[in-house]
């Protein structure tokens, strides 16, 4: 397997999946940035409808991974709970594999999953309830607005996310 894929597997395996927190201020920033990056990806592919937050980029670019890579992805997800969380992590691993293999679109959008993976690392999760997604305690539509690509990029550095979380948690 390639280095990027192995690093991504390590990230997923090192997340403390038992640590769950709701409504951290950093989740708003991470969700907004995830929506922006997803919308840019959809725009690039000229996808105007069915822009779901949880999506499989492999399907959108009409690619399939070798069976042994898919098996490695599934092995890495053994401790991951929740249908949507597992699905996002699987897509993240698949995308990492493509990045490591130098697939141009994956390299161009190499940080597509960074915000949502950071949200998971910080204790946020994705759930589905009554037609809405609940991400880290925030309720949102399960669709990405085409206008999300017009958002200004968010600072998702650990230092900034820590500062905004501490400001609210220390009040």
Protein backbone atom coordinates (compact mmCIF):
# COMPACT_ATOMS: atom_id res chain seq x y z
CA UNK A 1 0.00 0.00 0.00
CA UNK A 2 1.11 3.58 -0.49
CA UNK A 3 2.35 6.02 2.16
CA UNK A 4 -0.65 8.38 2.07
CA UNK A 5 -3.05 5.47 2.49
CA UNK A 6 -1.03 4.07 5.40
CA UNK A 7 -0.98 7.49 7.10
CA UNK A 8 -4.76 7.81 6.66
CA UNK A 9 -5.29 4.36 8.17
CA UNK A 10 -3.17 5.45 11.14
CA UNK A 11 -5.28 8.59 11.59
CA UNK A 12 -8.52 6.57 11.65
CA UNK A 13 -7.06 3.96 14.00
CA UNK A 14 -5.74 6.64 16.38
CA UNK A 15 -9.06 8.43 16.82
CA UNK A 16 -10.51 7.80 20.26
CA UNK A 17 -13.95 6.67 19.08
CA UNK A 18 -15.22 6.45 22.66
CA UNK A 19 -14.61 10.22 23.09
CA UNK A 20 -17.77 12.02 21.96
CA UNK A 21 -18.57 15.68 22.56
CA UNK A 22 -21.45 17.79 21.34
CA UNK A 23 -21.66 21.40 20.18
CA UNK A 24 -18.04 22.45 20.33
CA UNK A 25 -17.59 25.81 18.56
CA UNK A 26 -14.92 24.28 16.34
CA UNK A 27 -17.56 22.00 14.80
CA UNK A 28 -19.23 24.98 13.10
CA UNK A 29 -15.93 25.96 11.51
CA UNK A 30 -15.12 22.39 10.48
CA UNK A 31 -18.60 21.73 9.09
CA UNK A 32 -18.57 25.00 7.15
CA UNK A 33 -15.19 24.16 5.65
CA UNK A 34 -16.31 20.62 4.82
CA UNK A 35 -19.36 22.04 3.02
CA UNK A 36 -17.19 24.51 1.10
CA UNK A 37 -14.71 21.85 -0.02
CA UNK A 38 -17.48 19.42 -0.94
CA UNK A 39 -19.24 22.10 -2.97
CA UNK A 40 -16.02 22.94 -4.82
CA UNK A 41 -15.62 19.24 -5.64
CA UNK A 42 -19.20 19.02 -6.90
CA UNK A 43 -18.68 22.21 -8.93
CA UNK A 44 -15.56 20.75 -10.52
CA UNK A 45 -17.56 17.70 -11.60
CA UNK A 46 -20.49 19.89 -12.73
CA UNK A 47 -22.87 18.12 -10.33
CA UNK A 48 -25.82 20.41 -9.69
CA UNK A 49 -28.27 18.05 -8.01
CA UNK A 50 -28.11 15.54 -5.17
CA UNK A 51 -25.11 17.18 -3.51
CA UNK A 52 -25.18 15.13 -0.32
CA UNK A 53 -22.84 15.83 2.59
CA UNK A 54 -21.97 12.16 2.93
CA UNK A 55 -20.98 11.11 -0.58
CA UNK A 56 -18.73 8.63 -2.32
CA UNK A 57 -16.26 10.49 -4.55
CA UNK A 58 -15.24 7.18 -6.11
CA UNK A 59 -18.71 6.84 -7.62
CA UNK A 60 -18.71 10.43 -8.79
CA UNK A 61 -15.44 9.98 -10.68
CA UNK A 62 -16.43 6.47 -11.81
CA UNK A 63 -13.50 4.60 -10.25
CA UNK A 64 -13.18 1.42 -8.26
CA UNK A 65 -10.36 0.30 -6.03
CA UNK A 66 -8.71 -3.11 -6.08
CA UNK A 67 -10.41 -5.61 -3.77
CA UNK A 68 -7.33 -5.85 -1.50
CA UNK A 69 -7.46 -2.09 -0.89
CA UNK A 70 -11.16 -2.25 -0.03
CA UNK A 71 -10.40 -5.07 2.42
CA UNK A 72 -7.68 -2.93 4.08
CA UNK A 73 -10.17 -0.06 4.34
CA UNK A 74 -12.72 -2.26 6.07
CA UNK A 75 -10.09 -3.70 8.45
CA UNK A 76 -9.21 -0.14 9.51
CA UNK A 77 -12.84 0.62 10.38
CA UNK A 78 -13.34 -2.12 12.98
CA UNK A 79 -13.60 0.33 15.91
CA UNK A 80 -15.59 2.99 14.07
CA UNK A 81 -19.24 3.15 15.12
CA UNK A 82 -22.17 4.74 13.33
CA UNK A 83 -23.25 4.20 9.75
CA UNK A 84 -22.44 7.69 8.50
CA UNK A 85 -19.17 7.96 10.40
CA UNK A 86 -18.01 4.60 8.99
CA UNK A 87 -19.07 5.62 5.51
CA UNK A 88 -17.16 8.92 5.66
CA UNK A 89 -14.06 7.18 7.03
CA UNK A 90 -14.23 4.54 4.29
CA UNK A 91 -14.46 7.23 1.61
CA UNK A 92 -11.59 9.11 3.26
CA UNK A 93 -9.39 6.00 3.13
CA UNK A 94 -10.30 5.30 -0.48
CA UNK A 95 -9.52 8.91 -1.40
CA UNK A 96 -6.20 8.71 0.45
CA UNK A 97 -5.30 5.65 -1.59
CA UNK A 98 -5.99 7.56 -4.82
CA UNK A 99 -3.92 10.51 -3.62
CA UNK A 100 -1.01 8.18 -2.86
CA UNK A 101 -1.35 6.65 -6.32
CA UNK A 102 -1.15 10.11 -7.88
CA UNK A 103 -4.64 10.18 -9.41
CA UNK A 104 -4.89 13.82 -10.60
CA UNK A 105 -8.37 14.68 -9.30
CA UNK A 106 -7.59 13.14 -5.89
CA UNK A 107 -4.31 15.07 -5.69
CA UNK A 108 -6.12 18.27 -6.70
CA UNK A 109 -8.69 17.73 -3.91
CA UNK A 110 -6.31 16.06 -1.47
CA UNK A 111 -7.73 17.89 1.55
CA UNK A 112 -11.37 17.14 0.72
CA UNK A 113 -11.88 15.12 3.91
CA UNK A 114 -9.56 17.02 6.27
CA UNK A 115 -12.27 19.10 8.03
CA UNK A 116 -14.65 16.20 8.70
CA UNK A 117 -11.84 13.92 9.91
CA UNK A 118 -10.70 16.70 12.27
CA UNK A 119 -14.27 16.93 13.53
CA UNK A 120 -14.16 13.20 14.34
CA UNK A 121 -10.78 13.61 16.06
CA UNK A 122 -12.28 16.35 18.24
CA UNK A 123 -15.20 14.15 19.34
CA UNK A 124 -17.85 15.10 16.79
CA UNK A 125 -19.96 12.46 15.05
CA UNK A 126 -22.58 12.24 12.29
CA UNK A 127 -26.05 10.89 12.93
CA UNK A 128 -29.25 10.88 10.89
CA UNK A 129 -32.60 11.80 12.41
CA UNK A 130 -35.91 12.72 10.78
CA UNK A 131 -34.37 13.60 7.43
CA UNK A 132 -31.61 15.74 8.90
CA UNK A 133 -27.97 15.12 9.67
CA UNK A 134 -26.71 15.85 13.15
CA UNK A 135 -23.01 16.61 13.00
CA UNK A 136 -21.30 17.22 16.31
CA UNK A 137 -24.60 18.31 17.83
CA UNK A 138 -25.41 20.68 14.93
CA UNK A 139 -28.46 19.96 12.80
CA UNK A 140 -28.21 20.52 9.06
CA UNK A 141 -29.65 19.43 5.76
CA UNK A 142 -28.09 16.32 4.29
CA UNK A 143 -27.42 18.29 1.10
CA UNK A 144 -24.59 20.66 0.23
CA UNK A 145 -25.75 23.98 -1.16
CA UNK A 146 -24.12 25.00 -4.43
CA UNK A 147 -23.55 28.38 -2.77
CA UNK A 148 -21.22 26.77 -0.20
CA UNK A 149 -18.38 27.05 -2.70
CA UNK A 150 -18.68 30.83 -2.36
CA UNK A 151 -17.80 30.71 1.36
CA UNK A 152 -14.45 32.12 2.40
CA UNK A 153 -11.99 29.38 3.41
CA UNK A 154 -11.96 28.71 7.15
CA UNK A 155 -8.86 28.42 9.31
CA UNK A 156 -8.93 24.82 10.51
CA UNK A 157 -5.52 24.75 12.13
CA UNK A 158 -5.44 22.92 15.46
CA UNK A 159 -4.24 26.07 17.22
CA UNK A 160 -7.21 28.13 15.97
CA UNK A 161 -9.74 25.38 16.70
CA UNK A 162 -8.33 25.00 20.22
CA UNK A 163 -8.61 28.75 20.83
CA UNK A 164 -12.26 28.99 19.78
CA UNK A 165 -13.15 25.90 21.81
CA UNK A 166 -11.34 27.21 24.90
CA UNK A 167 -13.01 30.63 24.64
CA UNK A 168 -16.47 29.08 24.91
CA UNK A 169 -15.55 26.29 27.33
CA UNK A 170 -13.93 28.77 29.77
CA UNK A 171 -17.01 31.03 30.01
